[in-house]
Protein backbone atom coordinates (compact mmCIF):
# COMPACT_ATOMS: atom_id res chain seq x y z
CA MET A 1 138.19 214.48 49.40
CA ASN A 2 134.50 214.28 50.19
CA ASP A 3 133.11 210.77 49.82
CA LEU A 4 129.37 210.89 50.34
CA PHE A 5 127.75 207.63 51.43
CA PHE A 6 124.09 207.62 50.43
CA ASP A 7 120.86 205.66 50.75
CA LEU A 8 117.18 206.43 50.34
CA GLU A 9 113.88 204.84 51.25
CA THR A 10 110.69 204.95 49.20
CA GLN A 11 107.01 205.62 49.70
CA ARG A 12 105.84 202.67 47.60
CA SER A 13 106.91 199.12 46.74
CA ILE A 14 107.97 197.83 43.31
CA GLN A 15 104.70 195.86 43.12
CA GLU A 16 102.61 198.99 43.78
CA VAL A 17 104.12 200.86 40.83
CA GLY A 18 103.84 198.00 38.36
CA GLY A 19 107.38 196.63 38.35
CA ARG A 20 111.03 197.63 38.04
CA GLU A 21 110.42 199.60 34.84
CA ASN A 22 108.54 202.16 36.97
CA ILE A 23 111.14 202.68 39.72
CA LYS A 24 110.96 206.45 39.46
CA LEU A 25 107.32 206.26 40.62
CA LEU A 26 108.38 204.86 44.01
CA ARG A 27 109.05 208.41 45.32
CA VAL A 28 111.46 209.27 48.11
CA SER A 29 110.25 209.03 51.70
CA VAL A 30 113.62 209.86 53.30
CA ALA A 31 117.30 209.83 52.42
CA VAL A 32 120.48 209.92 54.47
CA THR A 33 124.06 210.79 53.58
CA PHE A 34 127.32 210.55 55.47
CA SER A 35 130.06 212.95 54.41
CA THR A 36 133.70 212.11 55.01
CA ALA A 37 134.47 215.84 54.78
CA THR A 38 132.23 216.75 57.73
CA ASN A 39 132.22 213.30 59.39
CA ALA A 40 128.47 213.70 59.85
CA PHE A 41 125.17 212.24 58.75
CA LYS A 42 122.58 214.42 57.05
CA SER A 43 118.90 213.53 56.66
CA TYR A 44 116.45 214.57 53.94
CA THR A 45 112.70 214.23 53.43
CA GLU A 46 110.94 214.33 50.07
CA LYS A 47 110.61 218.12 50.37
CA GLU A 48 114.41 218.32 50.59
CA VAL A 49 115.29 216.22 47.53
CA ALA A 50 116.69 219.28 45.69
CA ALA A 51 119.20 219.77 48.54
CA LEU A 52 120.04 216.05 48.42
CA ILE A 53 120.73 216.20 44.69
CA ALA A 54 122.89 219.31 45.19
CA ASP A 55 124.88 217.48 47.89
CA LEU A 56 125.32 214.43 45.63
CA LYS A 57 126.58 216.67 42.82
CA ALA A 58 128.97 218.53 45.15
CA ALA A 59 130.60 215.33 46.43
CA ASP A 60 133.89 214.12 44.99
CA ARG A 61 132.43 210.60 44.95
CA VAL A 62 129.10 209.05 45.92
CA ILE A 63 129.28 205.59 47.50
CA GLY A 64 126.33 203.31 48.10
CA PHE A 65 124.70 199.97 47.53
CA ASN A 66 122.56 199.59 44.38
CA LEU A 67 122.76 203.30 43.57
CA LEU A 68 122.90 202.97 39.80
CA GLN A 69 119.93 200.64 39.37
CA PHE A 70 117.77 201.87 42.25
CA ASP A 71 118.50 205.09 44.17
CA TYR A 72 119.43 207.18 41.12
CA GLU A 73 116.43 205.76 39.26
CA VAL A 74 114.10 206.81 42.10
CA LEU A 75 115.56 210.32 41.97
CA LYS A 76 114.72 210.63 38.24
CA TYR A 77 111.18 211.55 39.34
CA TYR A 78 112.60 214.79 40.75
CA THR A 79 115.33 215.82 38.33
CA GLN A 80 116.58 215.76 34.76
CA GLU A 81 120.18 215.67 36.08
CA ARG A 82 122.24 212.78 34.76
CA LEU A 83 123.05 211.28 38.16
CA ASN A 84 124.69 208.22 36.59
CA ASP A 85 127.38 210.64 35.35
CA LEU A 86 128.40 211.43 38.94
CA THR A 87 131.59 209.79 40.16
CA THR A 88 129.96 206.82 41.88
CA LEU A 89 131.11 203.65 43.55
CA ASP A 90 128.15 201.28 43.63
CA LEU A 91 129.25 198.38 45.82
CA LEU A 92 126.54 196.06 44.50
CA GLU A 93 127.37 196.86 40.89
CA ASP A 94 131.06 196.14 41.51
CA ILE A 95 130.31 192.81 43.20
CA TYR A 96 127.77 191.85 40.51
CA ASN A 97 130.35 192.55 37.79
CA LYS A 98 132.76 190.15 39.51
CA LEU A 99 130.31 187.34 40.35
CA GLY A 100 127.52 187.63 37.78
CA PHE A 101 124.82 187.60 40.47
CA ARG A 102 123.49 189.94 43.11
CA ILE A 103 124.04 189.62 46.86
CA GLY A 104 122.13 191.66 49.42
CA LEU A 105 123.72 194.23 51.70
CA ASP A 106 122.62 192.28 54.76
CA ALA A 107 124.28 189.05 53.59
CA LEU A 108 127.54 190.82 52.74
CA ALA A 109 127.58 192.80 55.99
CA ALA A 110 126.85 189.78 58.18
CA ALA A 111 129.57 187.65 56.54
CA THR A 112 132.15 190.44 56.29
CA LEU A 113 131.51 192.44 59.46
CA GLY A 114 129.79 189.91 61.72
CA SER A 115 126.20 189.32 62.75
CA ALA A 116 126.11 192.52 64.85
CA SER A 117 126.18 194.45 61.57
CA ARG A 118 122.95 193.03 60.20
CA LYS A 119 120.27 195.38 58.90
CA SER A 120 117.64 196.34 61.47
CA ALA A 121 114.66 195.96 59.09
CA ASP A 122 113.85 195.90 55.37
CA GLY A 123 112.35 198.10 52.67
CA LEU A 124 108.80 196.95 53.33
CA ALA A 125 109.06 197.93 56.99
CA ALA A 126 110.39 201.30 55.84
CA ILE A 127 107.36 201.82 53.61
CA ARG A 128 105.06 200.89 56.51
CA TRP A 129 106.82 203.35 58.84
CA PHE A 130 106.43 206.09 56.23
CA ARG A 131 102.70 205.41 55.95
CA GLU A 132 102.34 205.35 59.73
CA GLY A 133 104.17 208.68 60.00
CA LYS A 134 107.04 207.11 61.96
CA ILE A 135 109.67 209.30 60.35
CA ASP A 136 112.15 209.03 63.24
CA GLU A 137 112.21 205.22 62.93
CA LEU A 138 112.47 205.51 59.16
CA LEU A 139 115.40 207.92 59.36
CA ALA A 140 117.14 205.71 61.95
CA TYR A 141 116.78 202.67 59.66
CA CYS A 142 118.11 204.59 56.65
CA ARG A 143 120.99 205.99 58.73
CA ASP A 144 121.82 202.43 59.85
CA ASP A 145 121.94 201.29 56.21
CA VAL A 146 124.33 204.13 55.36
CA ALA A 147 126.52 203.22 58.35
CA ILE A 148 126.56 199.53 57.32
CA THR A 149 127.42 200.47 53.74
CA LYS A 150 130.27 202.66 55.00
CA LYS A 151 131.61 199.86 57.23
CA LEU A 152 131.38 197.34 54.37
CA PHE A 153 133.25 199.73 52.06
CA GLU A 154 135.95 200.31 54.68
CA ALA A 155 136.36 196.57 55.31
CA GLY A 156 136.67 195.89 51.58
CA ARG A 157 139.09 198.79 51.13
CA ASP A 158 141.26 197.69 54.06
CA LYS A 159 141.20 193.91 53.48
CA GLY A 160 140.88 193.81 49.68
CA PHE A 161 137.81 191.55 49.90
CA VAL A 162 134.30 191.17 51.25
CA GLN A 163 132.55 187.90 52.07
CA PHE A 164 129.24 186.13 51.72
CA VAL A 165 127.85 182.71 52.53
CA ASP A 166 126.90 180.76 49.41
CA ARG A 167 123.83 178.54 49.00
CA ASP A 168 125.78 175.55 50.31
CA GLY A 169 126.72 177.39 53.50
CA ARG A 170 130.33 178.00 52.48
CA MET A 171 132.05 181.31 53.18
CA LYS A 172 133.17 182.90 49.91
CA LYS A 173 135.45 185.89 49.32
CA VAL A 174 134.99 188.52 46.66
CA ASN A 175 138.15 190.46 45.91
CA VAL A 176 137.56 194.21 45.65
CA ALA A 177 139.83 197.15 44.86
CA TRP A 178 137.91 199.89 46.65
CA LYS A 179 140.06 202.95 47.33
């Protein structure tokens, strides 16, 4: 079984492309996958998006955070492939379907895995690094997000729940059935 954990970063912000209806105009700056078959990370630049899409299609399952509404939408700029038809576990989508609201990866990771698992930056920093040509920093950030997503998935799979802190500061559990 090859589970492929996946994340990408973009060249532009939502505001720069005129809103969420134009997500495919964000364009890929870098992407990173982690394959459970090879136990290795793989990095991609925009020039390598065709290889990324081939790897996504070859996986038994793609796992990520906000894949269906974001990452796959960004990739529509590059392909006519129906990526939403891939066997996909979108952790955010699953949690949203249970709670009716969205929770960020950083909040889930910090509450579930501990504060040492917080994200190292955010999407706006990633865009800035791309524009400054700091591709090594950008790839490291994206790789960290993939690693955090993988750890969050594993914690949910093993414990049967993930956690977050609600607006009143209370720790809340979300039951998950991730296999």
